[in-house]
Structure formats: C-alpha cells, structure tokens
Amino acid sequence: EVAELYVEPDARGQGVATALVGEAMRIFRERAVSFVAVWTRPDNPAALSVYRNHGFEPTEQTVLTWLPLPGRGRPDAGPGGERGADNHAP
C-alpha cells in the first residue's frame, strides 16, 4: 500500500513523485507482491496522473475521517490530546 506520498511544493513538476512510485513498484515486483493499493483524492489530478501512468485505475471511493468525541483526543494524539511532533498526518 502506498498510503502517503508528499512532494514539497518547490520540487513539484520535476518527476519526484513519478520516481518514488516507480521505485516502490520496482520493490513490489522484486518482492513478488500480488496486490498494491494507493490512496488519493479525486481532486488531485497530479497524483491521479502519476498513479495512472504506473498502471493504477480508479475504483469506487471510501472516505474515512476522524470523529473526535468530547473530552477525548484522537487515537494518534499524545498526552492531553496533542499530536506528537513526529506525526505529520492532518
């Protein structure tokens, strides 16, 4: 699974994502992986293009999101509900 791929704005349009996905695909083939999934939003044409160019096709979409409960932090939050400095997810 390719769950997250982020290219810094200054590096976009230079083939970075294409190279990263290509390398991931090489590793998957080398390891005889039989199924690969990628996730992106339908309003991200650059990502869709990169994935399509590597043979992926869009499927029906499932959207999952967080539902914070009163008095509770997110499951990935640290003490007091704060997110850790090394956790970059939204």
N, C-alpha and C. Protein backbone atom coordinates (compact mmCIF):
# COMPACT_ATOMS: atom_id res chain seq x y z
N GLU A 1 0.85 -1.18 0.00
CA GLU A 1 0.00 0.00 0.00
C GLU A 1 0.89 1.23 0.00
N VAL A 2 0.56 2.15 -0.85
CA VAL A 2 1.19 3.47 -0.82
C VAL A 2 0.16 4.37 -0.14
N ALA A 3 0.39 4.67 1.13
CA ALA A 3 -0.60 5.40 1.91
C ALA A 3 -0.41 6.91 1.82
N GLU A 4 0.82 7.36 1.81
CA GLU A 4 1.07 8.80 1.75
C GLU A 4 2.29 9.08 0.89
N LEU A 5 2.14 10.04 0.01
CA LEU A 5 3.24 10.49 -0.82
C LEU A 5 3.09 11.99 -0.93
N TYR A 6 4.07 12.71 -0.45
CA TYR A 6 4.01 14.17 -0.45
C TYR A 6 5.28 14.71 -1.06
N VAL A 7 5.14 15.61 -2.01
CA VAL A 7 6.28 16.27 -2.63
C VAL A 7 6.21 17.75 -2.26
N GLU A 8 7.29 18.27 -1.74
CA GLU A 8 7.35 19.69 -1.38
C GLU A 8 6.98 20.55 -2.59
N PRO A 9 6.26 21.63 -2.37
CA PRO A 9 5.82 22.48 -3.48
C PRO A 9 6.95 22.90 -4.43
N ASP A 10 8.11 23.24 -3.90
CA ASP A 10 9.22 23.67 -4.76
C ASP A 10 9.76 22.55 -5.65
N ALA A 11 9.48 21.30 -5.29
CA ALA A 11 10.00 20.16 -6.05
C ALA A 11 8.96 19.56 -6.99
N ARG A 12 7.75 20.08 -6.97
CA ARG A 12 6.69 19.52 -7.80
C ARG A 12 6.95 19.80 -9.28
N GLY A 13 6.46 18.90 -10.11
CA GLY A 13 6.62 19.05 -11.55
C GLY A 13 7.99 18.65 -12.07
N GLN A 14 8.80 18.03 -11.21
CA GLN A 14 10.16 17.65 -11.60
C GLN A 14 10.33 16.13 -11.66
N GLY A 15 9.23 15.39 -11.57
CA GLY A 15 9.31 13.94 -11.67
C GLY A 15 9.60 13.22 -10.37
N VAL A 16 9.55 13.93 -9.25
CA VAL A 16 9.86 13.30 -7.96
C VAL A 16 8.85 12.21 -7.63
N ALA A 17 7.56 12.51 -7.73
CA ALA A 17 6.53 11.52 -7.41
C ALA A 17 6.62 10.33 -8.37
N THR A 18 6.85 10.61 -9.64
CA THR A 18 6.98 9.53 -10.62
C THR A 18 8.14 8.62 -10.26
N ALA A 19 9.26 9.19 -9.87
CA ALA A 19 10.43 8.39 -9.48
C ALA A 19 10.14 7.57 -8.22
N LEU A 20 9.48 8.18 -7.23
CA LEU A 20 9.19 7.47 -5.99
C LEU A 20 8.22 6.31 -6.22
N VAL A 21 7.16 6.56 -6.98
CA VAL A 21 6.20 5.49 -7.26
C VAL A 21 6.87 4.41 -8.11
N GLY A 22 7.68 4.82 -9.06
CA GLY A 22 8.41 3.84 -9.87
C GLY A 22 9.30 2.95 -9.03
N GLU A 23 10.00 3.53 -8.08
CA GLU A 23 10.86 2.74 -7.19
C GLU A 23 10.03 1.82 -6.30
N ALA A 24 8.91 2.33 -5.80
CA ALA A 24 8.03 1.48 -4.99
C ALA A 24 7.54 0.29 -5.82
N MET A 25 7.16 0.54 -7.06
CA MET A 25 6.70 -0.54 -7.93
C MET A 25 7.82 -1.55 -8.19
N ARG A 26 9.03 -1.07 -8.36
CA ARG A 26 10.16 -1.98 -8.56
C ARG A 26 10.34 -2.89 -7.35
N ILE A 27 10.25 -2.30 -6.17
CA ILE A 27 10.38 -3.09 -4.93
C ILE A 27 9.24 -4.09 -4.81
N PHE A 28 8.01 -3.66 -5.13
CA PHE A 28 6.87 -4.58 -5.06
C PHE A 28 7.08 -5.78 -5.99
N ARG A 29 7.53 -5.51 -7.22
CA ARG A 29 7.78 -6.60 -8.18
C ARG A 29 8.90 -7.51 -7.67
N GLU A 30 9.96 -6.90 -7.17
CA GLU A 30 11.10 -7.67 -6.66
C GLU A 30 10.68 -8.61 -5.54
N ARG A 31 9.75 -8.17 -4.74
CA ARG A 31 9.28 -8.97 -3.60
C ARG A 31 8.05 -9.80 -3.93
N ALA A 32 7.68 -9.84 -5.19
CA ALA A 32 6.54 -10.64 -5.66
C ALA A 32 5.24 -10.27 -4.96
N VAL A 33 5.06 -8.98 -4.70
CA VAL A 33 3.81 -8.50 -4.10
C VAL A 33 2.69 -8.71 -5.12
N SER A 34 1.57 -9.26 -4.69
CA SER A 34 0.50 -9.59 -5.63
C SER A 34 -0.60 -8.54 -5.70
N PHE A 35 -0.63 -7.60 -4.78
CA PHE A 35 -1.68 -6.58 -4.78
C PHE A 35 -1.09 -5.30 -4.21
N VAL A 36 -1.32 -4.20 -4.89
CA VAL A 36 -0.85 -2.89 -4.43
C VAL A 36 -2.02 -1.93 -4.48
N ALA A 37 -2.20 -1.16 -3.43
CA ALA A 37 -3.25 -0.14 -3.39
C ALA A 37 -2.62 1.21 -3.13
N VAL A 38 -3.16 2.22 -3.76
CA VAL A 38 -2.76 3.59 -3.49
C VAL A 38 -4.01 4.38 -3.15
N TRP A 39 -3.83 5.43 -2.40
CA TRP A 39 -4.96 6.25 -1.97
C TRP A 39 -4.66 7.70 -2.33
N THR A 40 -5.61 8.34 -2.96
CA THR A 40 -5.52 9.77 -3.21
C THR A 40 -6.92 10.32 -3.35
N ARG A 41 -7.00 11.62 -3.41
CA ARG A 41 -8.31 12.27 -3.54
C ARG A 41 -8.63 12.46 -5.02
N PRO A 42 -9.91 12.44 -5.36
CA PRO A 42 -10.28 12.63 -6.77
C PRO A 42 -9.99 14.03 -7.29
N ASP A 43 -9.75 14.97 -6.39
CA ASP A 43 -9.45 16.35 -6.82
C ASP A 43 -7.94 16.61 -6.81
N ASN A 44 -7.15 15.55 -6.96
CA ASN A 44 -5.69 15.67 -7.02
C ASN A 44 -5.21 15.13 -8.38
N PRO A 45 -5.36 15.94 -9.44
CA PRO A 45 -5.04 15.44 -10.78
C PRO A 45 -3.58 15.03 -10.96
N ALA A 46 -2.66 15.69 -10.28
CA ALA A 46 -1.25 15.32 -10.41
C ALA A 46 -1.02 13.90 -9.89
N ALA A 47 -1.56 13.59 -8.72
CA ALA A 47 -1.40 12.25 -8.15
C ALA A 47 -2.11 11.21 -9.02
N LEU A 48 -3.31 11.53 -9.47
CA LEU A 48 -4.04 10.60 -10.32
C LEU A 48 -3.24 10.28 -11.58
N SER A 49 -2.62 11.29 -12.15
CA SER A 49 -1.82 11.09 -13.36
C SER A 49 -0.62 10.18 -13.09
N VAL A 50 0.09 10.43 -12.00
CA VAL A 50 1.25 9.60 -11.65
C VAL A 50 0.82 8.15 -11.48
N TYR A 51 -0.24 7.94 -10.71
CA TYR A 51 -0.69 6.57 -10.45
C TYR A 51 -1.18 5.90 -11.73
N ARG A 52 -1.95 6.62 -12.55
CA ARG A 52 -2.42 6.05 -13.82
C ARG A 52 -1.25 5.67 -14.71
N ASN A 53 -0.22 6.51 -14.74
CA ASN A 53 0.95 6.22 -15.57
C ASN A 53 1.72 4.98 -15.10
N HIS A 54 1.45 4.54 -13.88
CA HIS A 54 2.07 3.32 -13.36
C HIS A 54 1.09 2.15 -13.39
N GLY A 55 -0.04 2.32 -14.08
CA GLY A 55 -0.97 1.21 -14.27
C GLY A 55 -2.15 1.13 -13.34
N PHE A 56 -2.26 2.05 -12.40
CA PHE A 56 -3.40 2.04 -11.47
C PHE A 56 -4.63 2.62 -12.15
N GLU A 57 -5.79 2.12 -11.77
CA GLU A 57 -7.06 2.63 -12.26
C GLU A 57 -7.93 2.99 -11.07
N PRO A 58 -8.68 4.09 -11.16
CA PRO A 58 -9.56 4.47 -10.05
C PRO A 58 -10.63 3.41 -9.80
N THR A 59 -11.00 3.27 -8.55
CA THR A 59 -12.09 2.38 -8.15
C THR A 59 -13.07 3.20 -7.33
N GLU A 60 -14.15 2.55 -6.89
CA GLU A 60 -15.07 3.27 -6.01
C GLU A 60 -14.32 3.73 -4.78
N GLN A 61 -14.74 4.85 -4.29
CA GLN A 61 -14.01 5.52 -3.22
C GLN A 61 -14.69 5.30 -1.87
N THR A 62 -13.88 5.09 -0.87
CA THR A 62 -14.34 5.05 0.51
C THR A 62 -13.64 6.17 1.25
N VAL A 63 -14.40 6.98 1.96
CA VAL A 63 -13.81 8.10 2.70
C VAL A 63 -13.96 7.81 4.18
N LEU A 64 -12.84 7.82 4.87
CA LEU A 64 -12.83 7.67 6.32
C LEU A 64 -12.28 8.94 6.92
N THR A 65 -12.83 9.36 8.03
CA THR A 65 -12.35 10.56 8.68
C THR A 65 -12.44 10.37 10.19
N TRP A 66 -11.90 11.31 10.93
CA TRP A 66 -11.93 11.26 12.39
C TRP A 66 -13.22 11.85 12.91
N LEU A 67 -13.71 11.28 13.99
CA LEU A 67 -14.85 11.83 14.71
C LEU A 67 -14.42 12.01 16.15
N PRO A 68 -13.88 13.21 16.49
CA PRO A 68 -13.43 13.42 17.87
C PRO A 68 -14.63 13.39 18.82
N LEU A 69 -14.48 12.71 19.90
CA LEU A 69 -15.52 12.67 20.92
C LEU A 69 -15.19 13.68 22.00
N PRO A 70 -16.20 14.29 22.59
CA PRO A 70 -15.94 15.30 23.64
C PRO A 70 -15.07 14.72 24.75
N GLY A 71 -14.03 15.47 25.12
CA GLY A 71 -13.15 15.05 26.20
C GLY A 71 -12.13 14.01 25.81
N ARG A 72 -12.07 13.67 24.55
CA ARG A 72 -11.13 12.65 24.08
C ARG A 72 -10.26 13.23 22.98
N GLY A 73 -9.00 12.82 22.97
CA GLY A 73 -8.11 13.19 21.87
C GLY A 73 -8.24 12.18 20.75
N ARG A 74 -7.55 12.45 19.68
CA ARG A 74 -7.51 11.50 18.58
C ARG A 74 -6.66 10.30 18.98
N PRO A 75 -6.88 9.14 18.37
CA PRO A 75 -6.12 7.95 18.75
C PRO A 75 -4.61 8.11 18.57
N ASP A 76 -4.19 8.99 17.68
CA ASP A 76 -2.76 9.19 17.45
C ASP A 76 -2.22 10.37 18.24
N ALA A 77 -3.03 10.90 19.14
CA ALA A 77 -2.61 12.07 19.91
C ALA A 77 -1.80 11.64 21.13
N GLY A 78 -0.98 12.53 21.59
CA GLY A 78 -0.19 12.29 22.78
C GLY A 78 -0.99 12.66 24.03
N PRO A 79 -0.32 12.76 25.17
CA PRO A 79 -1.00 13.15 26.40
C PRO A 79 -1.71 14.49 26.25
N GLY A 80 -2.89 14.57 26.76
CA GLY A 80 -3.65 15.82 26.68
C GLY A 80 -4.28 16.05 25.32
N GLY A 81 -4.21 15.03 24.45
CA GLY A 81 -4.84 15.15 23.14
C GLY A 81 -3.99 15.84 22.09
N GLU A 82 -2.76 16.22 22.46
CA GLU A 82 -1.89 16.89 21.49
C GLU A 82 -1.22 15.86 20.60
N ARG A 83 -1.03 16.22 19.34
CA ARG A 83 -0.36 15.34 18.40
C ARG A 83 1.14 15.44 18.61
N GLY A 84 1.81 14.34 18.43
CA GLY A 84 3.26 14.32 18.57
C GLY A 84 3.94 15.10 17.47
N ALA A 85 5.13 15.62 17.74
CA ALA A 85 5.87 16.42 16.77
C ALA A 85 6.28 15.61 15.55
N ASP A 86 6.40 14.29 15.72
CA ASP A 86 6.83 13.47 14.58
C ASP A 86 5.66 12.93 13.78
N ASN A 87 4.45 13.27 14.15
CA ASN A 87 3.28 12.79 13.44
C ASN A 87 2.79 13.90 12.53
N HIS A 88 2.91 13.73 11.23
CA HIS A 88 2.59 14.79 10.28
C HIS A 88 1.22 14.64 9.63
N ALA A 89 0.46 13.65 10.01
CA ALA A 89 -0.86 13.48 9.40
C ALA A 89 -1.76 14.63 9.82
N PRO A 90 -2.74 14.97 8.97
CA PRO A 90 -3.64 16.09 9.32
C PRO A 90 -4.49 15.79 10.52
